[in-house]
Structure formats: C-alpha cells, structure tokens
Amino acid sequence: MRRVAASVVFMNREEAYTNHIVEIYGRRVVSHYALKSELAMTEWLGGIIVLTYAEAEEVNLKGVQSVDDFFDRVEKTEPHQSRCLKAYHLRSADIATQSLTKNSRIYLIEEDGNSFVE
C-alpha cells in the first residue's frame, strides 16, 4: 500500500479537502482522511489530487487547463459498478486558482509509482 498526501484533494467538483492523505493499493484508492499529524511512510506530493472512477484510457486529458476542466472531461465517462476509485495527481498546478500551468502534468497515482496520463 502507498500513502500520499497533497495540499488539496478533490472528491468531486464541490467537495475538496486541504492537507489530505490518500491510500492506494494497486491503482485503487482504499482510504482517504485528513492529515492531522506527520505519519511515517507518507509521501508528500503536494499540489492537487482528484479522486474519480474514470479510467485514464477512456478520457482525453490533453489540454486540461483547470480542475473544472478535468471534471468536465471525466464526468462524460459512464460509471460502472465494477470500477474502483482512482487518484490523479495534478502536478505543478496553481492551488490558489485551481489551474494548470505550462509545466503541469497529470499522473495516475499507483502503488508502485505514478503513470503519466497523456
């Protein structure tokens, strides 16, 4: 299991938490909770993490400019009961404006590392 933390974690478009921890097993989010104190074996990713059931392969994430834009794209996918919750790290995002910069990248967070999403 991998435990990561970020400045902001979005559960959906309207629900976001600051300084939050997400636990990942494989590609699946198994738990998330507030960061109340320093925890051993927790990797600080910073930036923004978005939790969604969308698969990276079925949405075109190229050209995403903001968290809202990200949700516009992933909300177009059809939910399936067999899907698991996934975590996407919006690296180098501007937290104040919730926008992506020219240096921003989107990664699917996995237990063994991160996969770049194109």
C-alpha atoms as a PDB file:
ATOM      1  CA  MET A   1       0.000   0.000   0.000  1.00  0.00           C
ATOM      2  CA  ARG A   2       1.155   3.527  -0.766  1.00  0.00           C
ATOM      3  CA  ARG A   3       0.202   6.570   1.296  1.00  0.00           C
ATOM      4  CA  VAL A   4       0.401  10.008  -0.358  1.00  0.00           C
ATOM      5  CA  ALA A   5      -0.571  13.485   0.805  1.00  0.00           C
ATOM      6  CA  ALA A   6      -1.493  16.635  -1.082  1.00  0.00           C
ATOM      7  CA  SER A   7      -2.355  20.240  -0.385  1.00  0.00           C
ATOM      8  CA  VAL A   8      -5.841  19.788  -1.849  1.00  0.00           C
ATOM      9  CA  VAL A   9      -7.793  16.585  -2.576  1.00  0.00           C
ATOM     10  CA  PHE A  10     -10.986  16.840  -4.642  1.00  0.00           C
ATOM     11  CA  MET A  11     -13.630  14.181  -4.049  1.00  0.00           C
ATOM     12  CA  ASN A  12     -15.833  15.799  -6.691  1.00  0.00           C
ATOM     13  CA  ARG A  13     -16.344  19.269  -8.150  1.00  0.00           C
ATOM     14  CA  GLU A  14     -17.942  20.636  -4.961  1.00  0.00           C
ATOM     15  CA  GLU A  15     -16.099  18.693  -2.260  1.00  0.00           C
ATOM     16  CA  ALA A  16     -12.418  19.364  -1.573  1.00  0.00           C
ATOM     17  CA  TYR A  17     -10.194  18.882   1.467  1.00  0.00           C
ATOM     18  CA  THR A  18      -6.930  20.576   2.350  1.00  0.00           C
ATOM     19  CA  ASN A  19      -3.912  18.663   3.652  1.00  0.00           C
ATOM     20  CA  HIS A  20      -5.398  15.273   2.984  1.00  0.00           C
ATOM     21  CA  ILE A  21      -3.981  11.732   2.771  1.00  0.00           C
ATOM     22  CA  VAL A  22      -4.906   9.152   0.138  1.00  0.00           C
ATOM     23  CA  GLU A  23      -4.029   5.460   0.455  1.00  0.00           C
ATOM     24  CA  ILE A  24      -3.532   3.499  -2.780  1.00  0.00           C
ATOM     25  CA  TYR A  25      -3.444  -0.260  -3.346  1.00  0.00           C
ATOM     26  CA  GLY A  26      -2.534  -1.114  -6.936  1.00  0.00           C
ATOM     27  CA  ARG A  27      -4.424   1.618  -8.809  1.00  0.00           C
ATOM     28  CA  ARG A  28      -7.309   1.717  -6.340  1.00  0.00           C
ATOM     29  CA  VAL A  29      -7.988   4.289  -3.613  1.00  0.00           C
ATOM     30  CA  VAL A  30      -8.663   2.287  -0.454  1.00  0.00           C
ATOM     31  CA  SER A  31      -8.904   5.140   2.032  1.00  0.00           C
ATOM     32  CA  HIS A  32      -8.564   8.888   2.456  1.00  0.00           C
ATOM     33  CA  TYR A  33      -8.532  11.091   5.524  1.00  0.00           C
ATOM     34  CA  ALA A  34      -7.312  14.389   6.947  1.00  0.00           C
ATOM     35  CA  LEU A  35      -3.623  14.859   7.641  1.00  0.00           C
ATOM     36  CA  LYS A  36      -3.672  15.647  11.355  1.00  0.00           C
ATOM     37  CA  SER A  37      -0.062  14.874  12.188  1.00  0.00           C
ATOM     38  CA  GLU A  38       3.021  13.579  10.460  1.00  0.00           C
ATOM     39  CA  LEU A  39       2.693   9.904   9.568  1.00  0.00           C
ATOM     40  CA  ALA A  40       5.561   7.542   8.869  1.00  0.00           C
ATOM     41  CA  MET A  41       5.776   6.206   5.305  1.00  0.00           C
ATOM     42  CA  THR A  42       3.678   9.059   3.865  1.00  0.00           C
ATOM     43  CA  GLU A  43       4.874  10.673   0.652  1.00  0.00           C
ATOM     44  CA  TRP A  44       4.071  14.376   0.282  1.00  0.00           C
ATOM     45  CA  LEU A  45       3.100  15.009  -3.350  1.00  0.00           C
ATOM     46  CA  GLY A  46       1.774  18.498  -2.775  1.00  0.00           C
ATOM     47  CA  GLY A  47      -0.394  20.150  -5.370  1.00  0.00           C
ATOM     48  CA  ILE A  48      -3.811  18.759  -6.215  1.00  0.00           C
ATOM     49  CA  ILE A  49      -5.162  15.210  -6.239  1.00  0.00           C
ATOM     50  CA  VAL A  50      -8.505  14.429  -7.877  1.00  0.00           C
ATOM     51  CA  LEU A  51     -10.383  11.229  -6.984  1.00  0.00           C
ATOM     52  CA  THR A  52     -12.599   9.771  -9.712  1.00  0.00           C
ATOM     53  CA  TYR A  53     -13.844   6.483 -11.142  1.00  0.00           C
ATOM     54  CA  ALA A  54     -12.744   7.450 -14.680  1.00  0.00           C
ATOM     55  CA  GLU A  55     -10.126   5.353 -16.455  1.00  0.00           C
ATOM     56  CA  ALA A  56      -7.190   7.247 -17.947  1.00  0.00           C
ATOM     57  CA  GLU A  57      -7.546   5.330 -21.212  1.00  0.00           C
ATOM     58  CA  GLU A  58     -11.108   6.488 -21.884  1.00  0.00           C
ATOM     59  CA  VAL A  59     -10.757  10.228 -21.459  1.00  0.00           C
ATOM     60  CA  ASN A  60      -8.580  12.627 -23.405  1.00  0.00           C
ATOM     61  CA  LEU A  61      -6.774  14.631 -20.762  1.00  0.00           C
ATOM     62  CA  LYS A  62      -4.574  16.563 -23.163  1.00  0.00           C
ATOM     63  CA  GLY A  63      -5.273  20.274 -22.954  1.00  0.00           C
ATOM     64  CA  VAL A  64      -6.801  20.243 -19.462  1.00  0.00           C
ATOM     65  CA  GLN A  65      -6.418  23.780 -18.095  1.00  0.00           C
ATOM     66  CA  SER A  66      -8.083  23.605 -14.676  1.00  0.00           C
ATOM     67  CA  VAL A  67      -9.667  21.327 -12.086  1.00  0.00           C
ATOM     68  CA  ASP A  68     -13.087  22.262 -13.504  1.00  0.00           C
ATOM     69  CA  ASP A  69     -11.899  21.293 -16.987  1.00  0.00           C
ATOM     70  CA  PHE A  70     -10.648  17.967 -15.606  1.00  0.00           C
ATOM     71  CA  PHE A  71     -14.088  17.277 -14.092  1.00  0.00           C
ATOM     72  CA  ASP A  72     -15.803  18.315 -17.355  1.00  0.00           C
ATOM     73  CA  ARG A  73     -13.869  15.561 -19.122  1.00  0.00           C
ATOM     74  CA  VAL A  74     -14.085  12.766 -16.565  1.00  0.00           C
ATOM     75  CA  GLU A  75     -17.794  13.326 -15.887  1.00  0.00           C
ATOM     76  CA  LYS A  76     -18.507  12.380 -19.528  1.00  0.00           C
ATOM     77  CA  THR A  77     -17.435   8.795 -18.862  1.00  0.00           C
ATOM     78  CA  GLU A  78     -20.037   6.213 -17.945  1.00  0.00           C
ATOM     79  CA  PRO A  79     -19.821   4.971 -14.357  1.00  0.00           C
ATOM     80  CA  HIS A  80     -19.647   1.211 -13.891  1.00  0.00           C
ATOM     81  CA  GLN A  81     -20.272  -0.607 -10.631  1.00  0.00           C
ATOM     82  CA  SER A  82     -17.122  -2.659 -11.169  1.00  0.00           C
ATOM     83  CA  ARG A  83     -14.845   0.392 -11.335  1.00  0.00           C
ATOM     84  CA  CYS A  84     -12.623   1.396  -8.486  1.00  0.00           C
ATOM     85  CA  LEU A  85     -11.853   4.884  -7.263  1.00  0.00           C
ATOM     86  CA  LYS A  86      -8.585   6.239  -8.678  1.00  0.00           C
ATOM     87  CA  ALA A  87      -6.375   9.182  -7.747  1.00  0.00           C
ATOM     88  CA  TYR A  88      -4.919  11.595 -10.294  1.00  0.00           C
ATOM     89  CA  HIS A  89      -2.132  13.975  -9.265  1.00  0.00           C
ATOM     90  CA  LEU A  90      -2.207  17.356 -10.996  1.00  0.00           C
ATOM     91  CA  ARG A  91       1.488  18.127 -10.609  1.00  0.00           C
ATOM     92  CA  SER A  92       2.654  21.772 -10.652  1.00  0.00           C
ATOM     93  CA  ALA A  93      -0.912  23.076 -10.563  1.00  0.00           C
ATOM     94  CA  ASP A  94      -1.658  26.539  -9.189  1.00  0.00           C
ATOM     95  CA  ILE A  95      -3.546  25.714  -5.998  1.00  0.00           C
ATOM     96  CA  ALA A  96      -4.956  29.225  -5.498  1.00  0.00           C
ATOM     97  CA  THR A  97      -6.610  29.371  -8.932  1.00  0.00           C
ATOM     98  CA  GLN A  98      -7.012  25.575  -9.358  1.00  0.00           C
ATOM     99  CA  SER A  99      -5.480  25.917 -12.801  1.00  0.00           C
ATOM    100  CA  LEU A 100      -2.744  24.068 -14.590  1.00  0.00           C
ATOM    101  CA  THR A 101       0.372  25.792 -15.853  1.00  0.00           C
ATOM    102  CA  LYS A 102       2.541  25.039 -18.876  1.00  0.00           C
ATOM    103  CA  ASN A 103       4.686  22.841 -16.582  1.00  0.00           C
ATOM    104  CA  SER A 104       1.733  20.915 -15.140  1.00  0.00           C
ATOM    105  CA  ARG A 105       1.375  17.191 -15.731  1.00  0.00           C
ATOM    106  CA  ILE A 106      -1.351  14.716 -14.830  1.00  0.00           C
ATOM    107  CA  TYR A 107      -0.375  11.388 -13.293  1.00  0.00           C
ATOM    108  CA  LEU A 108      -2.415   8.373 -12.270  1.00  0.00           C
ATOM    109  CA  ILE A 109      -1.154   7.522  -8.793  1.00  0.00           C
ATOM    110  CA  GLU A 110      -0.315   3.854  -8.428  1.00  0.00           C
ATOM    111  CA  GLU A 111       1.045   1.791  -5.579  1.00  0.00           C
ATOM    112  CA  ASP A 112       4.398   1.365  -7.307  1.00  0.00           C
ATOM    113  CA  GLY A 113       4.704   4.883  -8.740  1.00  0.00           C
ATOM    114  CA  ASN A 114       2.882   7.307 -11.000  1.00  0.00           C
ATOM    115  CA  SER A 115       1.808   6.853 -14.626  1.00  0.00           C
ATOM    116  CA  PHE A 116       1.869   9.908 -16.873  1.00  0.00           C
ATOM    117  CA  VAL A 117      -1.526  10.485 -18.479  1.00  0.00           C
ATOM    118  CA  GLU A 118      -1.476  11.974 -21.943  1.00  0.00           C
END
